[in-house]
Amino acid sequence: MSLTYSNLSKRPHVFQRMTGLNVSEFQEIVNRVHPLWGTSVELLKKSAGRWSVLKTFEDKVMSLLIYYRTYITHEFIGHLFGLHNSNVCRLFKKLEPLMGNRLAIKKDRTLTPEVILKLLADVTEQPIQRPVKSHKRKKTYSGKKKRYTRKVEMIMQDNGKIMSVSHSHGGRKHDFRIRKEGTPLPLNTEKYVDS
């Protein structure tokens, strides 16, 4: 049995858990994107060809939203909807730009004092395999951890939102040096760091 919008929309709770949207929000997305689908994709076909397994436009959009929600493979999505994974790939390649044109999320990257009150900066170390070359071993050996590591600095707000992540550094480099070489923190904010 393959998934269809008509079957799944009768169970709104399950529909929302699978797509991340309720039925009315989903219908609003379909209404905004469907005119683009008719003009840009359907009219550009050279011949009618076979009928798609996904009969309605709602089924096509629902398959993409489930993919975004779960991030499973195209083969898995194809199995759920009764498609071959190459057909899923072709469908998403046509549908994603249309949805991106109509459903762009506005990103606000301005950092005002009202937005950022407290910042937490800390460096994390991840163990790595022992490098083959001796000069790389010297740069990545952490005396504190007694092993080869890579370090990354993360800056977060007090609510847990990650503001920035630095480039990867060798385990030998001190945390304070990584902080000094990184981007400056915004002024007029409370900053919390370890010793």
C-alpha atoms as a PDB file:
ATOM      1  CA  MET A   1       0.000   0.000   0.000  1.00  0.00           C
ATOM      2  CA  SER A   2       1.375   3.424  -0.925  1.00  0.00           C
ATOM      3  CA  LEU A   3       0.703   6.710   0.841  1.00  0.00           C
ATOM      4  CA  THR A   4      -1.771   9.183  -0.644  1.00  0.00           C
ATOM      5  CA  TYR A   5      -2.912  12.611   0.460  1.00  0.00           C
ATOM      6  CA  SER A   6      -6.581  11.611   0.342  1.00  0.00           C
ATOM      7  CA  ASN A   7      -5.996   8.745   2.806  1.00  0.00           C
ATOM      8  CA  LEU A   8      -3.632  10.562   5.123  1.00  0.00           C
ATOM      9  CA  SER A   9      -5.614  13.817   5.325  1.00  0.00           C
ATOM     10  CA  LYS A  10      -8.499  11.882   6.921  1.00  0.00           C
ATOM     11  CA  ARG A  11      -6.202  11.340   9.918  1.00  0.00           C
ATOM     12  CA  PRO A  12      -5.033  14.903  10.754  1.00  0.00           C
ATOM     13  CA  HIS A  13      -2.946  13.890  13.766  1.00  0.00           C
ATOM     14  CA  VAL A  14      -0.914  11.370  11.762  1.00  0.00           C
ATOM     15  CA  PHE A  15      -0.697  13.811   8.830  1.00  0.00           C
ATOM     16  CA  GLN A  16       0.830  16.490  11.059  1.00  0.00           C
ATOM     17  CA  ARG A  17       3.323  14.086  12.596  1.00  0.00           C
ATOM     18  CA  MET A  18       4.489  12.889   9.178  1.00  0.00           C
ATOM     19  CA  THR A  19       4.691  16.247   7.366  1.00  0.00           C
ATOM     20  CA  GLY A  20       5.142  18.753  10.193  1.00  0.00           C
ATOM     21  CA  LEU A  21       2.080  20.733   9.015  1.00  0.00           C
ATOM     22  CA  ASN A  22      -1.619  20.544   9.697  1.00  0.00           C
ATOM     23  CA  VAL A  23      -3.975  20.001   6.762  1.00  0.00           C
ATOM     24  CA  SER A  24      -4.950  23.683   6.372  1.00  0.00           C
ATOM     25  CA  GLU A  25      -1.288  24.816   6.312  1.00  0.00           C
ATOM     26  CA  PHE A  26      -0.514  22.112   3.786  1.00  0.00           C
ATOM     27  CA  GLN A  27      -3.432  23.202   1.585  1.00  0.00           C
ATOM     28  CA  GLU A  28      -2.176  26.795   1.687  1.00  0.00           C
ATOM     29  CA  ILE A  29       1.255  25.646   0.440  1.00  0.00           C
ATOM     30  CA  VAL A  30      -0.362  23.631  -2.357  1.00  0.00           C
ATOM     31  CA  ASN A  31      -2.461  26.636  -3.417  1.00  0.00           C
ATOM     32  CA  ARG A  32       0.639  28.840  -3.613  1.00  0.00           C
ATOM     33  CA  VAL A  33       2.871  26.400  -5.504  1.00  0.00           C
ATOM     34  CA  HIS A  34       0.374  24.655  -7.817  1.00  0.00           C
ATOM     35  CA  PRO A  35       0.119  27.527 -10.366  1.00  0.00           C
ATOM     36  CA  LEU A  36       3.897  27.407 -10.844  1.00  0.00           C
ATOM     37  CA  TRP A  37       3.799  23.637 -11.362  1.00  0.00           C
ATOM     38  CA  GLY A  38       1.194  23.930 -14.096  1.00  0.00           C
ATOM     39  CA  THR A  39       3.053  26.658 -15.991  1.00  0.00           C
ATOM     40  CA  SER A  40       6.663  25.600 -15.615  1.00  0.00           C
ATOM     41  CA  VAL A  41       6.670  21.793 -15.490  1.00  0.00           C
ATOM     42  CA  GLU A  42       3.526  20.411 -17.139  1.00  0.00           C
ATOM     43  CA  LEU A  43       3.677  22.721 -20.173  1.00  0.00           C
ATOM     44  CA  LEU A  44       7.345  21.966 -20.858  1.00  0.00           C
ATOM     45  CA  LYS A  45       6.740  18.247 -21.428  1.00  0.00           C
ATOM     46  CA  LYS A  46       7.479  17.202 -25.004  1.00  0.00           C
ATOM     47  CA  SER A  47       4.932  14.390 -24.884  1.00  0.00           C
ATOM     48  CA  ALA A  48       2.309  13.123 -22.489  1.00  0.00           C
ATOM     49  CA  GLY A  49       4.156   9.916 -21.577  1.00  0.00           C
ATOM     50  CA  ARG A  50       3.011   7.596 -18.819  1.00  0.00           C
ATOM     51  CA  TRP A  51       0.797   8.749 -16.007  1.00  0.00           C
ATOM     52  CA  SER A  52       2.631   9.399 -12.770  1.00  0.00           C
ATOM     53  CA  VAL A  53       2.122   7.051  -9.843  1.00  0.00           C
ATOM     54  CA  LEU A  54       1.535  10.159  -7.740  1.00  0.00           C
ATOM     55  CA  LYS A  55      -1.765  11.163  -9.332  1.00  0.00           C
ATOM     56  CA  THR A  56      -2.354  14.485  -7.599  1.00  0.00           C
ATOM     57  CA  PHE A  57      -0.137  17.472  -6.975  1.00  0.00           C
ATOM     58  CA  GLU A  58      -0.897  17.113  -3.255  1.00  0.00           C
ATOM     59  CA  ASP A  59       0.770  13.683  -3.275  1.00  0.00           C
ATOM     60  CA  LYS A  60       3.892  15.163  -4.865  1.00  0.00           C
ATOM     61  CA  VAL A  61       4.143  17.971  -2.297  1.00  0.00           C
ATOM     62  CA  MET A  62       3.419  15.580   0.560  1.00  0.00           C
ATOM     63  CA  SER A  63       6.260  13.277  -0.539  1.00  0.00           C
ATOM     64  CA  LEU A  64       8.691  16.225  -0.503  1.00  0.00           C
ATOM     65  CA  LEU A  65       7.523  17.423   2.922  1.00  0.00           C
ATOM     66  CA  ILE A  66       7.881  13.929   4.399  1.00  0.00           C
ATOM     67  CA  TYR A  67      11.391  13.836   2.937  1.00  0.00           C
ATOM     68  CA  TYR A  68      12.206  17.200   4.580  1.00  0.00           C
ATOM     69  CA  ARG A  69      10.673  16.102   7.861  1.00  0.00           C
ATOM     70  CA  THR A  70      12.421  12.731   8.148  1.00  0.00           C
ATOM     71  CA  TYR A  71      15.370  13.097   5.741  1.00  0.00           C
ATOM     72  CA  ILE A  72      15.189   9.470   4.691  1.00  0.00           C
ATOM     73  CA  THR A  73      16.677   8.175   1.442  1.00  0.00           C
ATOM     74  CA  HIS A  74      15.005   8.550  -1.953  1.00  0.00           C
ATOM     75  CA  GLU A  75      14.732   4.773  -2.106  1.00  0.00           C
ATOM     76  CA  PHE A  76      12.789   4.724   1.169  1.00  0.00           C
ATOM     77  CA  ILE A  77      10.467   7.530  -0.022  1.00  0.00           C
ATOM     78  CA  GLY A  78       9.980   5.662  -3.288  1.00  0.00           C
ATOM     79  CA  HIS A  79       8.982   2.536  -1.405  1.00  0.00           C
ATOM     80  CA  LEU A  80       6.435   4.488   0.669  1.00  0.00           C
ATOM     81  CA  PHE A  81       4.848   6.084  -2.407  1.00  0.00           C
ATOM     82  CA  GLY A  82       5.297   3.225  -4.882  1.00  0.00           C
ATOM     83  CA  LEU A  83       7.955   4.968  -7.012  1.00  0.00           C
ATOM     84  CA  HIS A  84      11.438   4.129  -8.183  1.00  0.00           C
ATOM     85  CA  ASN A  85      14.133   6.188  -6.415  1.00  0.00           C
ATOM     86  CA  SER A  86      15.222   7.803  -9.711  1.00  0.00           C
ATOM     87  CA  ASN A  87      11.653   9.079 -10.214  1.00  0.00           C
ATOM     88  CA  VAL A  88      11.692  10.488  -6.689  1.00  0.00           C
ATOM     89  CA  CYS A  89      14.953  12.266  -7.451  1.00  0.00           C
ATOM     90  CA  ARG A  90      13.573  13.764 -10.686  1.00  0.00           C
ATOM     91  CA  LEU A  91      10.380  14.872  -8.941  1.00  0.00           C
ATOM     92  CA  PHE A  92      12.255  16.607  -6.116  1.00  0.00           C
ATOM     93  CA  LYS A  93      14.588  18.272  -8.619  1.00  0.00           C
ATOM     94  CA  LYS A  94      11.571  19.887 -10.311  1.00  0.00           C
ATOM     95  CA  LEU A  95       9.534  20.599  -7.175  1.00  0.00           C
ATOM     96  CA  GLU A  96      12.160  22.001  -4.785  1.00  0.00           C
ATOM     97  CA  PRO A  97      12.941  25.199  -6.765  1.00  0.00           C
ATOM     98  CA  LEU A  98       9.232  25.980  -7.125  1.00  0.00           C
ATOM     99  CA  MET A  99       8.632  25.611  -3.405  1.00  0.00           C
ATOM    100  CA  GLY A 100      11.765  27.625  -2.682  1.00  0.00           C
ATOM    101  CA  ASN A 101      10.464  30.509  -4.829  1.00  0.00           C
ATOM    102  CA  ARG A 102       7.096  30.680  -3.084  1.00  0.00           C
ATOM    103  CA  LEU A 103       7.951  29.596   0.453  1.00  0.00           C
ATOM    104  CA  ALA A 104      11.226  31.335   1.257  1.00  0.00           C
ATOM    105  CA  ILE A 105      11.889  31.753   4.970  1.00  0.00           C
ATOM    106  CA  LYS A 106      13.036  35.228   5.900  1.00  0.00           C
ATOM    107  CA  LYS A 107      16.243  35.045   7.903  1.00  0.00           C
ATOM    108  CA  ASP A 108      16.969  37.825  10.343  1.00  0.00           C
ATOM    109  CA  ARG A 109      20.681  37.852  11.125  1.00  0.00           C
ATOM    110  CA  THR A 110      20.813  41.238  12.836  1.00  0.00           C
ATOM    111  CA  LEU A 111      22.123  41.061  16.372  1.00  0.00           C
ATOM    112  CA  THR A 112      20.597  43.727  18.599  1.00  0.00           C
ATOM    113  CA  PRO A 113      21.121  44.101  22.358  1.00  0.00           C
ATOM    114  CA  GLU A 114      17.509  43.017  22.873  1.00  0.00           C
ATOM    115  CA  VAL A 115      18.156  39.791  20.972  1.00  0.00           C
ATOM    116  CA  ILE A 116      21.485  38.899  22.546  1.00  0.00           C
ATOM    117  CA  LEU A 117      21.730  39.402  26.272  1.00  0.00           C
ATOM    118  CA  LYS A 118      24.043  36.585  27.273  1.00  0.00           C
ATOM    119  CA  LEU A 119      26.583  34.669  25.203  1.00  0.00           C
ATOM    120  CA  LEU A 120      28.386  31.481  26.114  1.00  0.00           C
ATOM    121  CA  ALA A 121      31.656  30.720  24.323  1.00  0.00           C
ATOM    122  CA  ASP A 122      33.397  27.377  24.719  1.00  0.00           C
ATOM    123  CA  VAL A 123      35.758  25.120  22.797  1.00  0.00           C
ATOM    124  CA  THR A 124      35.035  21.434  22.274  1.00  0.00           C
ATOM    125  CA  GLU A 125      37.536  18.719  21.375  1.00  0.00           C
ATOM    126  CA  GLN A 126      36.826  15.725  19.175  1.00  0.00           C
ATOM    127  CA  PRO A 127      39.256  12.787  19.095  1.00  0.00           C
ATOM    128  CA  ILE A 128      40.724  11.911  15.701  1.00  0.00           C
ATOM    129  CA  GLN A 129      42.885   9.140  14.335  1.00  0.00           C
ATOM    130  CA  ARG A 130      46.639   9.493  14.721  1.00  0.00           C
ATOM    131  CA  PRO A 131      47.932  11.434  11.673  1.00  0.00           C
ATOM    132  CA  VAL A 132      50.497   9.681   9.507  1.00  0.00           C
ATOM    133  CA  LYS A 133      52.811  12.683   9.044  1.00  0.00           C
ATOM    134  CA  SER A 134      54.832  13.791  12.059  1.00  0.00           C
ATOM    135  CA  HIS A 135      54.243  17.554  11.625  1.00  0.00           C
ATOM    136  CA  LYS A 136      50.471  16.944  11.644  1.00  0.00           C
ATOM    137  CA  ARG A 137      50.816  14.768  14.743  1.00  0.00           C
ATOM    138  CA  LYS A 138      52.589  17.614  16.520  1.00  0.00           C
ATOM    139  CA  LYS A 139      49.785  20.101  15.697  1.00  0.00           C
ATOM    140  CA  THR A 140      46.935  17.818  16.691  1.00  0.00           C
ATOM    141  CA  TYR A 141      48.255  16.244  19.908  1.00  0.00           C
ATOM    142  CA  SER A 142      46.397  17.574  22.953  1.00  0.00           C
ATOM    143  CA  GLY A 143      48.433  17.357  26.147  1.00  0.00           C
ATOM    144  CA  LYS A 144      45.275  17.909  28.178  1.00  0.00           C
ATOM    145  CA  LYS A 145      43.434  14.929  26.666  1.00  0.00           C
ATOM    146  CA  LYS A 146      46.588  12.853  26.019  1.00  0.00           C
ATOM    147  CA  ARG A 147      45.415  12.024  22.494  1.00  0.00           C
ATOM    148  CA  TYR A 148      45.083  13.495  18.992  1.00  0.00           C
ATOM    149  CA  THR A 149      42.132  15.893  18.705  1.00  0.00           C
ATOM    150  CA  ARG A 150      40.565  18.704  16.694  1.00  0.00           C
ATOM    151  CA  LYS A 151      39.091  21.768  18.430  1.00  0.00           C
ATOM    152  CA  VAL A 152      36.078  23.879  17.464  1.00  0.00           C
ATOM    153  CA  GLU A 153      34.767  26.969  19.262  1.00  0.00           C
ATOM    154  CA  MET A 154      30.994  27.401  19.599  1.00  0.00           C
ATOM    155  CA  ILE A 155      29.195  30.580  20.666  1.00  0.00           C
ATOM    156  CA  MET A 156      25.631  30.186  21.947  1.00  0.00           C
ATOM    157  CA  GLN A 157      22.879  32.358  23.368  1.00  0.00           C
ATOM    158  CA  ASP A 158      21.575  31.606  26.838  1.00  0.00           C
ATOM    159  CA  ASN A 159      18.474  29.969  25.291  1.00  0.00           C
ATOM    160  CA  GLY A 160      20.674  27.392  23.501  1.00  0.00           C
ATOM    161  CA  LYS A 161      20.654  28.873  19.985  1.00  0.00           C
ATOM    162  CA  ILE A 162      24.067  28.450  18.325  1.00  0.00           C
ATOM    163  CA  MET A 163      25.306  31.788  16.969  1.00  0.00           C
ATOM    164  CA  SER A 164      28.583  30.733  15.365  1.00  0.00           C
ATOM    165  CA  VAL A 165      30.973  27.819  14.985  1.00  0.00           C
ATOM    166  CA  SER A 166      34.672  28.417  14.292  1.00  0.00           C
ATOM    167  CA  HIS A 167      36.913  26.606  11.861  1.00  0.00           C
ATOM    168  CA  SER A 168      38.582  23.421  13.044  1.00  0.00           C
ATOM    169  CA  HIS A 169      41.931  23.818  14.843  1.00  0.00           C
ATOM    170  CA  GLY A 170      44.579  21.344  15.969  1.00  0.00           C
ATOM    171  CA  GLY A 171      44.314  19.985  19.498  1.00  0.00           C
ATOM    172  CA  ARG A 172      47.611  21.641  20.488  1.00  0.00           C
ATOM    173  CA  LYS A 173      46.223  25.191  20.100  1.00  0.00           C
ATOM    174  CA  HIS A 174      45.012  26.755  23.354  1.00  0.00           C
ATOM    175  CA  ASP A 175      41.345  27.674  23.759  1.00  0.00           C
ATOM    176  CA  PHE A 176      42.182  31.316  24.505  1.00  0.00           C
ATOM    177  CA  ARG A 177      44.227  31.633  21.302  1.00  0.00           C
ATOM    178  CA  ILE A 178      41.307  30.221  19.302  1.00  0.00           C
ATOM    179  CA  ARG A 179      39.048  32.848  20.927  1.00  0.00           C
ATOM    180  CA  LYS A 180      41.501  35.679  20.120  1.00  0.00           C
ATOM    181  CA  GLU A 181      41.815  34.599  16.477  1.00  0.00           C
ATOM    182  CA  GLY A 182      38.040  34.201  16.047  1.00  0.00           C
ATOM    183  CA  THR A 183      35.434  36.797  15.170  1.00  0.00           C
ATOM    184  CA  PRO A 184      34.904  39.445  17.864  1.00  0.00           C
ATOM    185  CA  LEU A 185      31.895  39.039  20.129  1.00  0.00           C
ATOM    186  CA  PRO A 186      29.183  41.742  19.945  1.00  0.00           C
ATOM    187  CA  LEU A 187      29.521  44.635  22.353  1.00  0.00           C
ATOM    188  CA  ASN A 188      27.107  45.302  25.247  1.00  0.00           C
ATOM    189  CA  THR A 189      26.479  41.626  25.954  1.00  0.00           C
ATOM    190  CA  GLU A 190      27.245  39.459  28.938  1.00  0.00           C
ATOM    191  CA  LYS A 191      29.884  36.915  27.981  1.00  0.00           C
ATOM    192  CA  TYR A 192      30.442  33.650  29.808  1.00  0.00           C
ATOM    193  CA  VAL A 193      33.572  31.578  29.205  1.00  0.00           C
ATOM    194  CA  ASP A 194      35.424  28.919  31.154  1.00  0.00           C
ATOM    195  CA  SER A 195      38.729  29.630  32.881  1.00  0.00           C
END
